[in-house]
Amino acid sequence: MPLSSNERRALAARGQRLRARIVIRAGELSETAVAHVRSAFARADLIKVRISTDDRVACERAAAQLAERIPCELVQRIGRVVLLYRPAARPE
């Protein structure tokens, strides 16, 4: 479910007031870290995650792997902070 540019822009605007409450290490994207991010999506549809690394490529790689393993959409990455979106589950 790729986001349109208008949706991405609106989500980025919403994400400006959020704080990165989850910190993960780029080299150690463990199942525990992924589960922690998944549990954060139970409370909110848009979250910020700080990736602890000094290497830009490692940060990009970790953000892409995290988005793939959750699964969720990577809205934006600014420095070491990524904004992730997953639509709230709809009751049937």
PDB file of N, CA and C in Angstrom:
ATOM      1  N   MET A   1       0.821  -1.164   0.000  1.00  0.00           N
ATOM      2  CA  MET A   1       0.000   0.000   0.000  1.00  0.00           C
ATOM      3  C   MET A   1       0.879   1.247   0.000  1.00  0.00           C
ATOM      4  N   PRO A   2       1.434   1.614  -1.133  1.00  0.00           N
ATOM      5  CA  PRO A   2       2.270   2.810  -1.199  1.00  0.00           C
ATOM      6  C   PRO A   2       1.439   4.068  -0.949  1.00  0.00           C
ATOM      7  N   LEU A   3       2.057   5.023  -0.288  1.00  0.00           N
ATOM      8  CA  LEU A   3       1.392   6.278   0.025  1.00  0.00           C
ATOM      9  C   LEU A   3       1.555   7.257  -1.124  1.00  0.00           C
ATOM     10  N   SER A   4       0.523   8.056  -1.358  1.00  0.00           N
ATOM     11  CA  SER A   4       0.643   9.111  -2.354  1.00  0.00           C
ATOM     12  C   SER A   4       1.461  10.255  -1.757  1.00  0.00           C
ATOM     13  N   SER A   5       1.886  11.165  -2.588  1.00  0.00           N
ATOM     14  CA  SER A   5       2.696  12.275  -2.088  1.00  0.00           C
ATOM     15  C   SER A   5       1.884  13.171  -1.153  1.00  0.00           C
ATOM     16  N   ASN A   6       0.599  13.333  -1.415  1.00  0.00           N
ATOM     17  CA  ASN A   6      -0.248  14.136  -0.519  1.00  0.00           C
ATOM     18  C   ASN A   6      -0.412  13.460   0.838  1.00  0.00           C
ATOM     19  N   GLU A   7      -0.602  12.147   0.840  1.00  0.00           N
ATOM     20  CA  GLU A   7      -0.714  11.413   2.099  1.00  0.00           C
ATOM     21  C   GLU A   7       0.597  11.479   2.880  1.00  0.00           C
ATOM     22  N   ARG A   8       1.700  11.305   2.176  1.00  0.00           N
ATOM     23  CA  ARG A   8       3.018  11.349   2.810  1.00  0.00           C
ATOM     24  C   ARG A   8       3.266  12.726   3.429  1.00  0.00           C
ATOM     25  N   ARG A   9       2.904  13.781   2.725  1.00  0.00           N
ATOM     26  CA  ARG A   9       3.081  15.143   3.216  1.00  0.00           C
ATOM     27  C   ARG A   9       2.216  15.390   4.454  1.00  0.00           C
ATOM     28  N   ALA A  10       0.969  14.918   4.429  1.00  0.00           N
ATOM     29  CA  ALA A  10       0.076  15.094   5.576  1.00  0.00           C
ATOM     30  C   ALA A  10       0.591  14.327   6.795  1.00  0.00           C
ATOM     31  N   LEU A  11       1.092  13.115   6.587  1.00  0.00           N
ATOM     32  CA  LEU A  11       1.640  12.332   7.687  1.00  0.00           C
ATOM     33  C   LEU A  11       2.905  12.976   8.244  1.00  0.00           C
ATOM     34  N   ALA A  12       3.749  13.522   7.377  1.00  0.00           N
ATOM     35  CA  ALA A  12       4.965  14.194   7.830  1.00  0.00           C
ATOM     36  C   ALA A  12       4.607  15.419   8.670  1.00  0.00           C
ATOM     37  N   ALA A  13       3.557  16.130   8.289  1.00  0.00           N
ATOM     38  CA  ALA A  13       3.106  17.293   9.064  1.00  0.00           C
ATOM     39  C   ALA A  13       2.605  16.852  10.433  1.00  0.00           C
ATOM     40  N   ARG A  14       1.854  15.755  10.479  1.00  0.00           N
ATOM     41  CA  ARG A  14       1.391  15.221  11.764  1.00  0.00           C
ATOM     42  C   ARG A  14       2.547  14.763  12.631  1.00  0.00           C
ATOM     43  N   GLY A  15       3.572  14.224  11.999  1.00  0.00           N
ATOM     44  CA  GLY A  15       4.703  13.669  12.725  1.00  0.00           C
ATOM     45  C   GLY A  15       5.644  14.703  13.310  1.00  0.00           C
ATOM     46  N   GLN A  16       5.528  15.958  12.899  1.00  0.00           N
ATOM     47  CA  GLN A  16       6.432  16.985  13.404  1.00  0.00           C
ATOM     48  C   GLN A  16       6.325  17.158  14.914  1.00  0.00           C
ATOM     49  N   ARG A  17       5.153  16.996  15.458  1.00  0.00           N
ATOM     50  CA  ARG A  17       4.980  17.226  16.893  1.00  0.00           C
ATOM     51  C   ARG A  17       5.282  15.985  17.739  1.00  0.00           C
ATOM     52  N   LEU A  18       5.539  14.856  17.090  1.00  0.00           N
ATOM     53  CA  LEU A  18       5.846  13.630  17.817  1.00  0.00           C
ATOM     54  C   LEU A  18       7.306  13.613  18.259  1.00  0.00           C
ATOM     55  N   ARG A  19       7.564  12.852  19.311  1.00  0.00           N
ATOM     56  CA  ARG A  19       8.928  12.645  19.778  1.00  0.00           C
ATOM     57  C   ARG A  19       9.308  11.188  19.532  1.00  0.00           C
ATOM     58  N   ALA A  20      10.583  10.972  19.259  1.00  0.00           N
ATOM     59  CA  ALA A  20      11.067   9.601  19.061  1.00  0.00           C
ATOM     60  C   ALA A  20      11.152   8.928  20.424  1.00  0.00           C
ATOM     61  N   ARG A  21      10.254   8.005  20.698  1.00  0.00           N
ATOM     62  CA  ARG A  21      10.202   7.353  21.997  1.00  0.00           C
ATOM     63  C   ARG A  21      10.856   5.970  21.985  1.00  0.00           C
ATOM     64  N   ILE A  22      11.191   5.486  20.811  1.00  0.00           N
ATOM     65  CA  ILE A  22      11.825   4.175  20.682  1.00  0.00           C
ATOM     66  C   ILE A  22      13.200   4.378  20.062  1.00  0.00           C
ATOM     67  N   VAL A  23      14.203   3.769  20.658  1.00  0.00           N
ATOM     68  CA  VAL A  23      15.573   3.838  20.142  1.00  0.00           C
ATOM     69  C   VAL A  23      16.045   2.408  19.882  1.00  0.00           C
ATOM     70  N   ILE A  24      16.514   2.172  18.658  1.00  0.00           N
ATOM     71  CA  ILE A  24      17.036   0.852  18.317  1.00  0.00           C
ATOM     72  C   ILE A  24      18.433   1.007  17.732  1.00  0.00           C
ATOM     73  N   ARG A  25      19.200  -0.052  17.787  1.00  0.00           N
ATOM     74  CA  ARG A  25      20.544  -0.048  17.195  1.00  0.00           C
ATOM     75  C   ARG A  25      20.457  -0.562  15.765  1.00  0.00           C
ATOM     76  N   ALA A  26      21.183   0.070  14.876  1.00  0.00           N
ATOM     77  CA  ALA A  26      21.120  -0.279  13.460  1.00  0.00           C
ATOM     78  C   ALA A  26      21.618  -1.688  13.202  1.00  0.00           C
ATOM     79  N   GLY A  27      22.697  -2.084  13.844  1.00  0.00           N
ATOM     80  CA  GLY A  27      23.284  -3.387  13.586  1.00  0.00           C
ATOM     81  C   GLY A  27      22.565  -4.531  14.261  1.00  0.00           C
ATOM     82  N   GLU A  28      21.732  -4.237  15.220  1.00  0.00           N
ATOM     83  CA  GLU A  28      21.075  -5.274  16.010  1.00  0.00           C
ATOM     84  C   GLU A  28      19.559  -5.152  15.927  1.00  0.00           C
ATOM     85  N   LEU A  29      19.023  -5.327  14.746  1.00  0.00           N
ATOM     86  CA  LEU A  29      17.576  -5.244  14.565  1.00  0.00           C
ATOM     87  C   LEU A  29      16.978  -6.595  14.952  1.00  0.00           C
ATOM     88  N   SER A  30      16.862  -6.807  16.254  1.00  0.00           N
ATOM     89  CA  SER A  30      16.410  -8.090  16.781  1.00  0.00           C
ATOM     90  C   SER A  30      14.894  -8.196  16.734  1.00  0.00           C
ATOM     91  N   GLU A  31      14.416  -9.393  16.965  1.00  0.00           N
ATOM     92  CA  GLU A  31      12.974  -9.626  16.999  1.00  0.00           C
ATOM     93  C   GLU A  31      12.336  -8.881  18.171  1.00  0.00           C
ATOM     94  N   THR A  32      13.085  -8.709  19.248  1.00  0.00           N
ATOM     95  CA  THR A  32      12.584  -7.956  20.397  1.00  0.00           C
ATOM     96  C   THR A  32      12.348  -6.493  20.033  1.00  0.00           C
ATOM     97  N   ALA A  33      13.272  -5.894  19.300  1.00  0.00           N
ATOM     98  CA  ALA A  33      13.111  -4.506  18.863  1.00  0.00           C
ATOM     99  C   ALA A  33      11.924  -4.372  17.921  1.00  0.00           C
ATOM    100  N   VAL A  34      11.770  -5.321  17.016  1.00  0.00           N
ATOM    101  CA  VAL A  34      10.643  -5.305  16.078  1.00  0.00           C
ATOM    102  C   VAL A  34       9.330  -5.458  16.841  1.00  0.00           C
ATOM    103  N   ALA A  35       9.307  -6.348  17.820  1.00  0.00           N
ATOM    104  CA  ALA A  35       8.092  -6.541  18.623  1.00  0.00           C
ATOM    105  C   ALA A  35       7.763  -5.281  19.413  1.00  0.00           C
ATOM    106  N   HIS A  36       8.771  -4.574  19.884  1.00  0.00           N
ATOM    107  CA  HIS A  36       8.550  -3.335  20.624  1.00  0.00           C
ATOM    108  C   HIS A  36       7.896  -2.279  19.724  1.00  0.00           C
ATOM    109  N   VAL A  37       8.353  -2.172  18.494  1.00  0.00           N
ATOM    110  CA  VAL A  37       7.771  -1.219  17.551  1.00  0.00           C
ATOM    111  C   VAL A  37       6.345  -1.644  17.194  1.00  0.00           C
ATOM    112  N   ARG A  38       6.127  -2.938  17.010  1.00  0.00           N
ATOM    113  CA  ARG A  38       4.769  -3.430  16.723  1.00  0.00           C
ATOM    114  C   ARG A  38       3.815  -3.089  17.866  1.00  0.00           C
ATOM    115  N   SER A  39       4.278  -3.233  19.101  1.00  0.00           N
ATOM    116  CA  SER A  39       3.408  -2.912  20.246  1.00  0.00           C
ATOM    117  C   SER A  39       3.111  -1.419  20.297  1.00  0.00           C
ATOM    118  N   ALA A  40       4.033  -0.585  19.835  1.00  0.00           N
ATOM    119  CA  ALA A  40       3.770   0.855  19.781  1.00  0.00           C
ATOM    120  C   ALA A  40       2.679   1.167  18.764  1.00  0.00           C
ATOM    121  N   PHE A  41       2.611   0.378  17.694  1.00  0.00           N
ATOM    122  CA  PHE A  41       1.554   0.576  16.702  1.00  0.00           C
ATOM    123  C   PHE A  41       0.178   0.168  17.233  1.00  0.00           C
ATOM    124  N   ALA A  42       0.124  -0.571  18.319  1.00  0.00           N
ATOM    125  CA  ALA A  42      -1.162  -0.902  18.932  1.00  0.00           C
ATOM    126  C   ALA A  42      -1.786   0.341  19.560  1.00  0.00           C
ATOM    127  N   ARG A  43      -0.952   1.325  19.921  1.00  0.00           N
ATOM    128  CA  ARG A  43      -1.441   2.534  20.565  1.00  0.00           C
ATOM    129  C   ARG A  43      -1.554   3.719  19.611  1.00  0.00           C
ATOM    130  N   ALA A  44      -0.818   3.707  18.520  1.00  0.00           N
ATOM    131  CA  ALA A  44      -0.823   4.844  17.591  1.00  0.00           C
ATOM    132  C   ALA A  44      -0.548   4.346  16.180  1.00  0.00           C
ATOM    133  N   ASP A  45      -1.020   5.104  15.198  1.00  0.00           N
ATOM    134  CA  ASP A  45      -0.794   4.708  13.808  1.00  0.00           C
ATOM    135  C   ASP A  45       0.449   5.352  13.204  1.00  0.00           C
ATOM    136  N   LEU A  46       1.028   6.330  13.909  1.00  0.00           N
ATOM    137  CA  LEU A  46       2.186   7.065  13.415  1.00  0.00           C
ATOM    138  C   LEU A  46       3.194   7.179  14.563  1.00  0.00           C
ATOM    139  N   ILE A  47       4.406   6.669  14.354  1.00  0.00           N
ATOM    140  CA  ILE A  47       5.418   6.711  15.415  1.00  0.00           C
ATOM    141  C   ILE A  47       6.769   7.132  14.847  1.00  0.00           C
ATOM    142  N   LYS A  48       7.595   7.658  15.741  1.00  0.00           N
ATOM    143  CA  LYS A  48       8.968   8.010  15.393  1.00  0.00           C
ATOM    144  C   LYS A  48       9.900   7.063  16.110  1.00  0.00           C
ATOM    145  N   VAL A  49      10.933   6.635  15.391  1.00  0.00           N
ATOM    146  CA  VAL A  49      11.930   5.725  15.935  1.00  0.00           C
ATOM    147  C   VAL A  49      13.306   6.326  15.662  1.00  0.00           C
ATOM    148  N   ARG A  50      14.153   6.370  16.690  1.00  0.00           N
ATOM    149  CA  ARG A  50      15.531   6.829  16.524  1.00  0.00           C
ATOM    150  C   ARG A  50      16.415   5.601  16.319  1.00  0.00           C
ATOM    151  N   ILE A  51      17.238   5.651  15.281  1.00  0.00           N
ATOM    152  CA  ILE A  51      18.155   4.553  14.985  1.00  0.00           C
ATOM    153  C   ILE A  51      19.546   4.996  15.421  1.00  0.00           C
ATOM    154  N   SER A  52      20.115   4.262  16.343  1.00  0.00           N
ATOM    155  CA  SER A  52      21.389   4.623  16.948  1.00  0.00           C
ATOM    156  C   SER A  52      22.545   4.115  16.086  1.00  0.00           C
ATOM    157  N   THR A  53      23.079   5.007  15.260  1.00  0.00           N
ATOM    158  CA  THR A  53      24.240   4.711  14.430  1.00  0.00           C
ATOM    159  C   THR A  53      24.813   6.025  13.904  1.00  0.00           C
ATOM    160  N   ASP A  54      26.070   6.010  13.522  1.00  0.00           N
ATOM    161  CA  ASP A  54      26.687   7.190  12.913  1.00  0.00           C
ATOM    162  C   ASP A  54      26.806   7.036  11.402  1.00  0.00           C
ATOM    163  N   ASP A  55      26.494   5.857  10.900  1.00  0.00           N
ATOM    164  CA  ASP A  55      26.631   5.558   9.474  1.00  0.00           C
ATOM    165  C   ASP A  55      25.292   5.782   8.772  1.00  0.00           C
ATOM    166  N   ARG A  56      25.282   6.669   7.783  1.00  0.00           N
ATOM    167  CA  ARG A  56      24.049   7.007   7.065  1.00  0.00           C
ATOM    168  C   ARG A  56      23.476   5.805   6.315  1.00  0.00           C
ATOM    169  N   VAL A  57      24.339   5.052   5.683  1.00  0.00           N
ATOM    170  CA  VAL A  57      23.891   3.882   4.920  1.00  0.00           C
ATOM    171  C   VAL A  57      23.283   2.831   5.847  1.00  0.00           C
ATOM    172  N   ALA A  58      23.911   2.610   6.994  1.00  0.00           N
ATOM    173  CA  ALA A  58      23.392   1.649   7.963  1.00  0.00           C
ATOM    174  C   ALA A  58      22.038   2.098   8.493  1.00  0.00           C
ATOM    175  N   CYS A  59      21.862   3.388   8.670  1.00  0.00           N
ATOM    176  CA  CYS A  59      20.581   3.924   9.134  1.00  0.00           C
ATOM    177  C   CYS A  59      19.489   3.698   8.091  1.00  0.00           C
ATOM    178  N   GLU A  60      19.786   3.984   6.838  1.00  0.00           N
ATOM    179  CA  GLU A  60      18.823   3.759   5.756  1.00  0.00           C
ATOM    180  C   GLU A  60      18.453   2.283   5.649  1.00  0.00           C
ATOM    181  N   ARG A  61      19.454   1.427   5.745  1.00  0.00           N
ATOM    182  CA  ARG A  61      19.231  -0.017   5.656  1.00  0.00           C
ATOM    183  C   ARG A  61      18.365  -0.503   6.819  1.00  0.00           C
ATOM    184  N   ALA A  62      18.663  -0.040   8.031  1.00  0.00           N
ATOM    185  CA  ALA A  62      17.895  -0.446   9.205  1.00  0.00           C
ATOM    186  C   ALA A  62      16.456   0.048   9.121  1.00  0.00           C
ATOM    187  N   ALA A  63      16.256   1.264   8.626  1.00  0.00           N
ATOM    188  CA  ALA A  63      14.901   1.808   8.480  1.00  0.00           C
ATOM    189  C   ALA A  63      14.100   0.985   7.473  1.00  0.00           C
ATOM    190  N   ALA A  64      14.719   0.630   6.355  1.00  0.00           N
ATOM    191  CA  ALA A  64      14.032  -0.173   5.344  1.00  0.00           C
ATOM    192  C   ALA A  64      13.707  -1.572   5.871  1.00  0.00           C
ATOM    193  N   GLN A  65      14.648  -2.180   6.592  1.00  0.00           N
ATOM    194  CA  GLN A  65      14.405  -3.507   7.161  1.00  0.00           C
ATOM    195  C   GLN A  65      13.301  -3.458   8.207  1.00  0.00           C
ATOM    196  N   LEU A  66      13.298  -2.425   9.025  1.00  0.00           N
ATOM    197  CA  LEU A  66      12.272  -2.281  10.050  1.00  0.00           C
ATOM    198  C   LEU A  66      10.898  -2.137   9.416  1.00  0.00           C
ATOM    199  N   ALA A  67      10.785  -1.291   8.399  1.00  0.00           N
ATOM    200  CA  ALA A  67       9.508  -1.103   7.712  1.00  0.00           C
ATOM    201  C   ALA A  67       9.029  -2.398   7.055  1.00  0.00           C
ATOM    202  N   GLU A  68       9.959  -3.183   6.543  1.00  0.00           N
ATOM    203  CA  GLU A  68       9.605  -4.445   5.896  1.00  0.00           C
ATOM    204  C   GLU A  68       9.165  -5.496   6.911  1.00  0.00           C
ATOM    205  N   ARG A  69       9.835  -5.542   8.058  1.00  0.00           N
ATOM    206  CA  ARG A  69       9.544  -6.581   9.050  1.00  0.00           C
ATOM    207  C   ARG A  69       8.304  -6.279   9.887  1.00  0.00           C
ATOM    208  N   ILE A  70       7.877  -5.019   9.982  1.00  0.00           N
ATOM    209  CA  ILE A  70       6.738  -4.683  10.846  1.00  0.00           C
ATOM    210  C   ILE A  70       5.432  -5.289  10.319  1.00  0.00           C
ATOM    211  N   PRO A  71       4.929  -5.148   9.175  1.00  0.00           N
ATOM    212  CA  PRO A  71       5.122  -4.262   8.023  1.00  0.00           C
ATOM    213  C   PRO A  71       4.423  -2.912   8.237  1.00  0.00           C
ATOM    214  N   CYS A  72       5.051  -1.866   7.690  1.00  0.00           N
ATOM    215  CA  CYS A  72       4.498  -0.518   7.766  1.00  0.00           C
ATOM    216  C   CYS A  72       5.126   0.318   6.645  1.00  0.00           C
ATOM    217  N   GLU A  73       4.696   1.556   6.560  1.00  0.00           N
ATOM    218  CA  GLU A  73       5.232   2.462   5.546  1.00  0.00           C
ATOM    219  C   GLU A  73       6.263   3.387   6.171  1.00  0.00           C
ATOM    220  N   LEU A  74       7.377   3.546   5.499  1.00  0.00           N
ATOM    221  CA  LEU A  74       8.396   4.500   5.916  1.00  0.00           C
ATOM    222  C   LEU A  74       8.021   5.847   5.304  1.00  0.00           C
ATOM    223  N   VAL A  75       7.536   6.762   6.134  1.00  0.00           N
ATOM    224  CA  VAL A  75       7.064   8.060   5.647  1.00  0.00           C
ATOM    225  C   VAL A  75       8.248   8.958   5.312  1.00  0.00           C
ATOM    226  N   GLN A  76       9.176   9.089   6.264  1.00  0.00           N
ATOM    227  CA  GLN A  76      10.354   9.905   6.004  1.00  0.00           C
ATOM    228  C   GLN A  76      11.463   9.530   6.968  1.00  0.00           C
ATOM    229  N   ARG A  77      12.678   9.920   6.586  1.00  0.00           N
ATOM    230  CA  ARG A  77      13.834   9.750   7.452  1.00  0.00           C
ATOM    231  C   ARG A  77      14.585  11.065   7.450  1.00  0.00           C
ATOM    232  N   ILE A  78      14.759  11.619   8.632  1.00  0.00           N
ATOM    233  CA  ILE A  78      15.539  12.841   8.782  1.00  0.00           C
ATOM    234  C   ILE A  78      16.643  12.539   9.771  1.00  0.00           C
ATOM    235  N   GLY A  79      17.857  12.527   9.280  1.00  0.00           N
ATOM    236  CA  GLY A  79      18.980  12.167  10.133  1.00  0.00           C
ATOM    237  C   GLY A  79      18.848  10.726  10.586  1.00  0.00           C
ATOM    238  N   ARG A  80      18.815  10.529  11.888  1.00  0.00           N
ATOM    239  CA  ARG A  80      18.692   9.178  12.447  1.00  0.00           C
ATOM    240  C   ARG A  80      17.288   8.872  12.938  1.00  0.00           C
ATOM    241  N   VAL A  81      16.335   9.740  12.633  1.00  0.00           N
ATOM    242  CA  VAL A  81      14.963   9.552  13.090  1.00  0.00           C
ATOM    243  C   VAL A  81      14.082   9.203  11.897  1.00  0.00           C
ATOM    244  N   VAL A  82      13.326   8.110  12.038  1.00  0.00           N
ATOM    245  CA  VAL A  82      12.420   7.694  10.975  1.00  0.00           C
ATOM    246  C   VAL A  82      10.980   7.806  11.462  1.00  0.00           C
ATOM    247  N   LEU A  83      10.112   8.162  10.549  1.00  0.00           N
ATOM    248  CA  LEU A  83       8.684   8.264  10.827  1.00  0.00           C
ATOM    249  C   LEU A  83       8.004   7.098  10.120  1.00  0.00           C
ATOM    250  N   LEU A  84       7.314   6.279  10.899  1.00  0.00           N
ATOM    251  CA  LEU A  84       6.662   5.067  10.389  1.00  0.00           C
ATOM    252  C   LEU A  84       5.159   5.187  10.531  1.00  0.00           C
ATOM    253  N   TYR A  85       4.435   4.659   9.552  1.00  0.00           N
ATOM    254  CA  TYR A  85       2.971   4.708   9.554  1.00  0.00           C
ATOM    255  C   TYR A  85       2.400   3.334   9.252  1.00  0.00           C
ATOM    256  N   ARG A  86       1.406   2.975  10.040  1.00  0.00           N
ATOM    257  CA  ARG A  86       0.622   1.775   9.756  1.00  0.00           C
ATOM    258  C   ARG A  86      -0.811   2.109  10.099  1.00  0.00           C
ATOM    259  N   PRO A  87      -1.732   1.960   9.130  1.00  0.00           N
ATOM    260  CA  PRO A  87      -3.123   2.300   9.409  1.00  0.00           C
ATOM    261  C   PRO A  87      -3.675   1.459  10.552  1.00  0.00           C
ATOM    262  N   ALA A  88      -4.517   2.077  11.340  1.00  0.00           N
ATOM    263  CA  ALA A  88      -5.128   1.382  12.471  1.00  0.00           C
ATOM    264  C   ALA A  88      -6.000   0.242  11.948  1.00  0.00           C
ATOM    265  N   ALA A  89      -5.993  -0.851  12.678  1.00  0.00           N
ATOM    266  CA  ALA A  89      -6.796  -2.003  12.290  1.00  0.00           C
ATOM    267  C   ALA A  89      -8.273  -1.668  12.443  1.00  0.00           C
ATOM    268  N   ARG A  90      -9.041  -2.006  11.446  1.00  0.00           N
ATOM    269  CA  ARG A  90     -10.472  -1.727  11.468  1.00  0.00           C
ATOM    270  C   ARG A  90     -11.226  -2.949  11.965  1.00  0.00           C
ATOM    271  N   PRO A  91     -12.100  -2.756  12.940  1.00  0.00           N
ATOM    272  CA  PRO A  91     -12.905  -3.901  13.398  1.00  0.00           C
ATOM    273  C   PRO A  91     -13.888  -4.308  12.322  1.00  0.00           C
ATOM    274  N   GLU A  92     -14.100  -5.593  12.195  1.00  0.00           N
ATOM    275  CA  GLU A  92     -15.008  -6.086  11.139  1.00  0.00           C
ATOM    276  C   GLU A  92     -16.403  -6.316  11.672  1.00  0.00           C
TER     277      GLU A  92
END
